N, C-alpha and C. Protein backbone atom coordinates (compact mmCIF):
# COMPACT_ATOMS: atom_id res chain seq x y z
N UNK A 1 -9.67 51.11 32.64
CA UNK A 1 -10.39 50.62 33.80
C UNK A 1 -10.17 49.11 33.97
N UNK A 2 -8.96 48.75 34.10
CA UNK A 2 -8.64 47.33 34.24
C UNK A 2 -8.35 46.99 35.69
N UNK A 3 -9.01 47.70 36.59
CA UNK A 3 -8.77 47.44 38.00
C UNK A 3 -9.68 46.33 38.49
N UNK A 4 -9.10 45.37 39.16
CA UNK A 4 -9.90 44.29 39.74
C UNK A 4 -10.26 44.69 41.16
N UNK A 5 -11.46 44.36 41.56
CA UNK A 5 -11.89 44.73 42.89
C UNK A 5 -11.50 43.62 43.86
N UNK A 6 -11.29 44.01 45.08
CA UNK A 6 -10.97 43.03 46.12
C UNK A 6 -12.06 43.10 47.18
N UNK A 7 -12.31 41.97 47.76
CA UNK A 7 -13.34 41.87 48.78
C UNK A 7 -12.67 41.95 50.13
N UNK A 8 -13.09 42.88 50.97
CA UNK A 8 -12.52 42.96 52.32
C UNK A 8 -12.81 41.68 53.11
N UNK A 9 -11.97 41.39 54.06
CA UNK A 9 -12.09 40.16 54.85
C UNK A 9 -13.45 40.01 55.53
N UNK A 10 -14.03 41.11 55.97
CA UNK A 10 -15.32 41.03 56.67
C UNK A 10 -16.46 40.59 55.75
N UNK A 11 -16.30 40.77 54.43
CA UNK A 11 -17.34 40.38 53.48
C UNK A 11 -17.00 39.10 52.72
N UNK A 12 -15.83 38.58 52.96
CA UNK A 12 -15.38 37.42 52.20
C UNK A 12 -16.28 36.19 52.42
N UNK A 13 -16.59 35.89 53.66
CA UNK A 13 -17.41 34.71 53.96
C UNK A 13 -18.83 34.83 53.42
N UNK A 14 -19.53 35.95 53.67
CA UNK A 14 -20.89 36.07 53.11
C UNK A 14 -20.89 36.06 51.58
N UNK A 15 -19.87 36.68 51.00
CA UNK A 15 -19.78 36.70 49.53
C UNK A 15 -19.63 35.28 48.98
N UNK A 16 -18.80 34.48 49.64
CA UNK A 16 -18.60 33.10 49.21
C UNK A 16 -19.88 32.27 49.36
N UNK A 17 -20.72 32.63 50.30
CA UNK A 17 -22.01 31.95 50.44
C UNK A 17 -22.97 32.33 49.32
N UNK A 18 -22.83 33.53 48.80
CA UNK A 18 -23.74 34.02 47.77
C UNK A 18 -23.39 33.53 46.36
N UNK A 19 -22.12 33.40 46.09
CA UNK A 19 -21.67 33.07 44.73
C UNK A 19 -22.30 31.79 44.18
N UNK A 20 -22.45 30.73 44.94
CA UNK A 20 -23.08 29.52 44.37
C UNK A 20 -24.52 29.72 43.90
N UNK A 21 -25.18 30.75 44.35
CA UNK A 21 -26.56 31.03 43.94
C UNK A 21 -26.63 31.71 42.58
N UNK A 22 -25.49 32.12 42.06
CA UNK A 22 -25.45 32.81 40.77
C UNK A 22 -25.39 31.79 39.64
N UNK A 23 -25.98 32.15 38.51
CA UNK A 23 -25.91 31.33 37.31
C UNK A 23 -24.44 31.26 36.89
N UNK A 24 -24.04 30.11 36.34
CA UNK A 24 -22.63 29.89 36.01
C UNK A 24 -22.06 31.00 35.12
N UNK A 25 -22.82 31.50 34.18
CA UNK A 25 -22.34 32.55 33.29
C UNK A 25 -22.04 33.85 34.01
N UNK A 26 -22.72 34.10 35.11
CA UNK A 26 -22.50 35.33 35.86
C UNK A 26 -21.35 35.22 36.85
N UNK A 27 -21.00 34.02 37.23
CA UNK A 27 -19.90 33.85 38.18
C UNK A 27 -18.56 34.29 37.62
N UNK A 28 -18.47 34.29 36.31
CA UNK A 28 -17.23 34.69 35.65
C UNK A 28 -17.25 36.15 35.20
N UNK A 29 -18.35 36.82 35.40
CA UNK A 29 -18.49 38.21 34.96
C UNK A 29 -18.09 39.15 36.08
N UNK A 30 -16.98 39.87 35.92
CA UNK A 30 -16.51 40.75 36.99
C UNK A 30 -17.51 41.84 37.36
N UNK A 31 -18.24 42.35 36.37
CA UNK A 31 -19.23 43.40 36.65
C UNK A 31 -20.34 42.88 37.56
N UNK A 32 -20.81 41.68 37.27
CA UNK A 32 -21.87 41.10 38.09
C UNK A 32 -21.38 40.82 39.50
N UNK A 33 -20.18 40.28 39.61
CA UNK A 33 -19.62 40.00 40.93
C UNK A 33 -19.46 41.27 41.75
N UNK A 34 -18.99 42.31 41.09
CA UNK A 34 -18.81 43.58 41.80
C UNK A 34 -20.16 44.16 42.23
N UNK A 35 -21.15 44.06 41.36
CA UNK A 35 -22.49 44.56 41.71
C UNK A 35 -23.06 43.80 42.90
N UNK A 36 -22.91 42.48 42.90
CA UNK A 36 -23.40 41.68 44.02
C UNK A 36 -22.67 42.05 45.31
N UNK A 37 -21.38 42.31 45.19
CA UNK A 37 -20.62 42.74 46.37
C UNK A 37 -21.16 44.07 46.90
N UNK A 38 -21.48 44.98 46.00
CA UNK A 38 -22.02 46.28 46.44
C UNK A 38 -23.38 46.11 47.13
N UNK A 39 -24.22 45.23 46.57
CA UNK A 39 -25.51 44.96 47.24
C UNK A 39 -25.28 44.36 48.62
N UNK A 40 -24.31 43.47 48.72
CA UNK A 40 -23.97 42.86 50.01
C UNK A 40 -23.49 43.92 50.99
N UNK A 41 -22.66 44.80 50.51
CA UNK A 41 -22.09 45.84 51.36
C UNK A 41 -23.15 46.84 51.81
N UNK A 42 -24.05 47.19 50.92
CA UNK A 42 -25.05 48.22 51.24
C UNK A 42 -26.28 47.69 51.96
N UNK A 43 -26.69 46.44 51.64
CA UNK A 43 -27.94 45.96 52.20
C UNK A 43 -27.87 44.61 52.86
N UNK A 44 -26.72 44.01 52.89
CA UNK A 44 -26.59 42.71 53.54
C UNK A 44 -26.90 41.56 52.60
N UNK A 45 -26.87 40.36 53.17
CA UNK A 45 -27.05 39.15 52.36
C UNK A 45 -28.44 39.06 51.75
N UNK A 46 -29.44 39.50 52.48
CA UNK A 46 -30.81 39.40 51.98
C UNK A 46 -30.98 40.23 50.68
N UNK A 47 -30.50 41.44 50.69
CA UNK A 47 -30.59 42.28 49.49
C UNK A 47 -29.73 41.71 48.37
N UNK A 48 -28.58 41.18 48.70
CA UNK A 48 -27.70 40.59 47.68
C UNK A 48 -28.36 39.38 47.04
N UNK A 49 -29.07 38.56 47.83
CA UNK A 49 -29.78 37.40 47.27
C UNK A 49 -30.90 37.83 46.32
N UNK A 50 -31.60 38.90 46.68
CA UNK A 50 -32.64 39.43 45.80
C UNK A 50 -32.02 39.90 44.48
N UNK A 51 -30.89 40.58 44.59
CA UNK A 51 -30.19 41.05 43.39
C UNK A 51 -29.72 39.88 42.54
N UNK A 52 -29.23 38.83 43.18
CA UNK A 52 -28.78 37.65 42.44
C UNK A 52 -29.94 37.02 41.68
N UNK A 53 -31.09 36.92 42.31
CA UNK A 53 -32.25 36.35 41.62
C UNK A 53 -32.64 37.20 40.41
N UNK A 54 -32.56 38.52 40.57
CA UNK A 54 -32.87 39.40 39.45
C UNK A 54 -31.84 39.23 38.32
N UNK A 55 -30.57 39.16 38.67
CA UNK A 55 -29.52 38.94 37.68
C UNK A 55 -29.72 37.60 36.98
N UNK A 56 -30.01 36.56 37.76
CA UNK A 56 -30.21 35.23 37.18
C UNK A 56 -31.37 35.22 36.19
N UNK A 57 -32.47 35.85 36.58
CA UNK A 57 -33.65 35.89 35.71
C UNK A 57 -33.34 36.65 34.42
N UNK A 58 -32.67 37.77 34.53
CA UNK A 58 -32.30 38.55 33.36
C UNK A 58 -31.39 37.73 32.44
N UNK A 59 -30.44 37.03 33.04
CA UNK A 59 -29.51 36.21 32.27
C UNK A 59 -30.26 35.09 31.53
N UNK A 60 -31.19 34.44 32.21
CA UNK A 60 -31.97 33.37 31.57
C UNK A 60 -32.82 33.91 30.42
N UNK A 61 -33.43 35.08 30.62
CA UNK A 61 -34.25 35.67 29.57
C UNK A 61 -33.42 36.03 28.35
N UNK A 62 -32.23 36.58 28.57
CA UNK A 62 -31.36 36.91 27.45
C UNK A 62 -30.94 35.65 26.69
N UNK A 63 -30.62 34.60 27.42
CA UNK A 63 -30.26 33.34 26.77
C UNK A 63 -31.42 32.78 25.96
N UNK A 64 -32.61 32.84 26.52
CA UNK A 64 -33.79 32.34 25.81
C UNK A 64 -34.05 33.16 24.55
N UNK A 65 -33.87 34.45 24.65
CA UNK A 65 -34.08 35.31 23.49
C UNK A 65 -33.05 35.01 22.40
N UNK A 66 -31.80 34.81 22.78
CA UNK A 66 -30.76 34.48 21.81
C UNK A 66 -31.05 33.14 21.15
N UNK A 67 -31.50 32.17 21.93
CA UNK A 67 -31.82 30.86 21.38
C UNK A 67 -33.00 30.96 20.41
N UNK A 68 -33.98 31.77 20.75
CA UNK A 68 -35.13 31.97 19.87
C UNK A 68 -34.68 32.58 18.54
N UNK A 69 -33.79 33.56 18.60
CA UNK A 69 -33.29 34.18 17.38
C UNK A 69 -32.53 33.17 16.52
N UNK A 70 -31.70 32.34 17.16
CA UNK A 70 -30.96 31.32 16.40
C UNK A 70 -31.91 30.34 15.73
N UNK A 71 -32.96 29.93 16.45
CA UNK A 71 -33.92 29.00 15.86
C UNK A 71 -34.68 29.65 14.70
N UNK A 72 -35.05 30.91 14.85
CA UNK A 72 -35.74 31.62 13.77
C UNK A 72 -34.85 31.76 12.55
N UNK A 73 -33.56 32.06 12.77
CA UNK A 73 -32.63 32.17 11.65
C UNK A 73 -32.46 30.83 10.95
N UNK A 74 -32.39 29.76 11.71
CA UNK A 74 -32.26 28.43 11.12
C UNK A 74 -33.50 28.08 10.31
N UNK A 75 -34.67 28.42 10.83
CA UNK A 75 -35.91 28.15 10.13
C UNK A 75 -35.99 28.95 8.83
N UNK A 76 -35.59 30.21 8.90
CA UNK A 76 -35.61 31.04 7.70
C UNK A 76 -34.62 30.52 6.66
N UNK A 77 -33.45 30.08 7.10
CA UNK A 77 -32.46 29.54 6.18
C UNK A 77 -32.99 28.27 5.52
N UNK A 78 -33.68 27.45 6.30
CA UNK A 78 -34.26 26.22 5.76
C UNK A 78 -35.34 26.55 4.74
N UNK A 79 -36.16 27.54 5.03
CA UNK A 79 -37.21 27.93 4.10
C UNK A 79 -36.61 28.51 2.82
N UNK A 80 -35.52 29.24 2.95
CA UNK A 80 -34.85 29.81 1.77
C UNK A 80 -34.28 28.68 0.90
N UNK A 81 -33.70 27.68 1.55
CA UNK A 81 -33.17 26.54 0.80
C UNK A 81 -34.27 25.82 0.05
N UNK A 82 -35.40 25.63 0.70
CA UNK A 82 -36.53 24.96 0.06
C UNK A 82 -37.06 25.77 -1.11
N UNK A 83 -37.13 27.09 -0.95
CA UNK A 83 -37.63 27.92 -2.04
C UNK A 83 -36.64 27.95 -3.20
N UNK A 84 -35.34 27.89 -2.91
CA UNK A 84 -34.34 27.83 -3.98
C UNK A 84 -34.45 26.51 -4.75
N UNK A 85 -34.71 25.43 -4.05
CA UNK A 85 -34.89 24.13 -4.71
C UNK A 85 -36.13 24.14 -5.57
N UNK A 86 -37.20 24.77 -5.09
CA UNK A 86 -38.45 24.83 -5.85
C UNK A 86 -38.27 25.65 -7.12
N UNK A 87 -37.48 26.69 -7.09
CA UNK A 87 -37.27 27.53 -8.26
C UNK A 87 -36.45 26.79 -9.31
N UNK A 88 -35.60 25.91 -8.88
CA UNK A 88 -34.76 25.16 -9.80
C UNK A 88 -35.53 24.10 -10.57
N UNK A 89 -36.59 23.62 -10.03
CA UNK A 89 -37.41 22.61 -10.69
C UNK A 89 -38.42 23.30 -11.59
N UNK A 90 -38.69 22.68 -12.72
CA UNK A 90 -39.70 23.24 -13.60
C UNK A 90 -41.09 22.83 -13.12
N UNK A 91 -42.04 23.70 -13.36
CA UNK A 91 -43.40 23.43 -12.92
C UNK A 91 -44.17 22.56 -13.91
N UNK A 92 -43.53 22.21 -15.02
CA UNK A 92 -44.21 21.42 -16.03
C UNK A 92 -44.22 19.97 -15.57
N UNK A 93 -45.41 19.40 -15.56
CA UNK A 93 -45.54 18.01 -15.17
C UNK A 93 -45.46 17.15 -16.42
N UNK A 94 -44.87 16.00 -16.32
CA UNK A 94 -44.81 15.14 -17.50
C UNK A 94 -46.23 14.73 -17.93
N UNK A 95 -46.41 14.71 -19.23
CA UNK A 95 -47.73 14.40 -19.76
C UNK A 95 -47.94 12.89 -19.70
N UNK A 96 -49.04 12.51 -19.12
CA UNK A 96 -49.36 11.10 -19.04
C UNK A 96 -50.14 10.70 -20.28
N UNK A 97 -49.84 9.53 -20.76
CA UNK A 97 -50.59 9.04 -21.92
C UNK A 97 -51.95 8.60 -21.46
N UNK A 98 -52.94 9.01 -22.17
CA UNK A 98 -54.30 8.61 -21.82
C UNK A 98 -54.86 7.71 -22.91
N UNK A 99 -55.95 7.09 -22.62
CA UNK A 99 -56.58 6.20 -23.57
C UNK A 99 -57.15 6.96 -24.76
N UNK A 100 -57.45 8.23 -24.55
CA UNK A 100 -58.02 9.03 -25.63
C UNK A 100 -57.02 9.26 -26.75
N UNK A 101 -55.73 9.25 -26.41
CA UNK A 101 -54.71 9.48 -27.44
C UNK A 101 -54.63 8.31 -28.43
N UNK A 102 -55.02 7.13 -28.02
CA UNK A 102 -54.93 5.95 -28.87
C UNK A 102 -56.09 5.87 -29.88
N UNK A 103 -57.14 6.57 -29.65
CA UNK A 103 -58.31 6.51 -30.51
C UNK A 103 -58.17 7.57 -31.60
N UNK A 104 -58.30 7.12 -32.82
CA UNK A 104 -58.22 8.06 -33.93
C UNK A 104 -59.62 8.53 -34.28
N UNK A 105 -59.68 9.76 -34.68
CA UNK A 105 -60.95 10.30 -35.07
C UNK A 105 -61.09 10.18 -36.58
N UNK A 106 -62.29 9.91 -37.09
CA UNK A 106 -62.55 9.78 -38.53
C UNK A 106 -63.21 10.97 -39.07
C-alpha cells in the first residue's frame, strides 16, 4: 500500500488553506493528510477544520503523555541511582569521643 494520494484540482485551493491549521507533526503524516482531504471532500472546509482541531488535540495529548512517561522514567532512574549510592555507604556512624571516655572509674 505505497500509493500516494493526489488531490483533485477542485480541492487543491481549500486543502492548501487547511494545511497551515494542522500541527507540524501532522503535516508530514500522509494518513492525516488523506483523512483531512476526505473530510474536506465529504463535508467541506467547515467539517475539515473540525477534524483538524480533533487531530491536533489528539496529537498534543499523545505528546504530553510521552513527555510525562519520559519524566517519570528519568525520576525513577534518579531514585534508583540514589538508592544504589545509599546501599554502598555503611550505616555505621563514626563514634565521637565524649568527655565521659576521659574519666576513669575507680
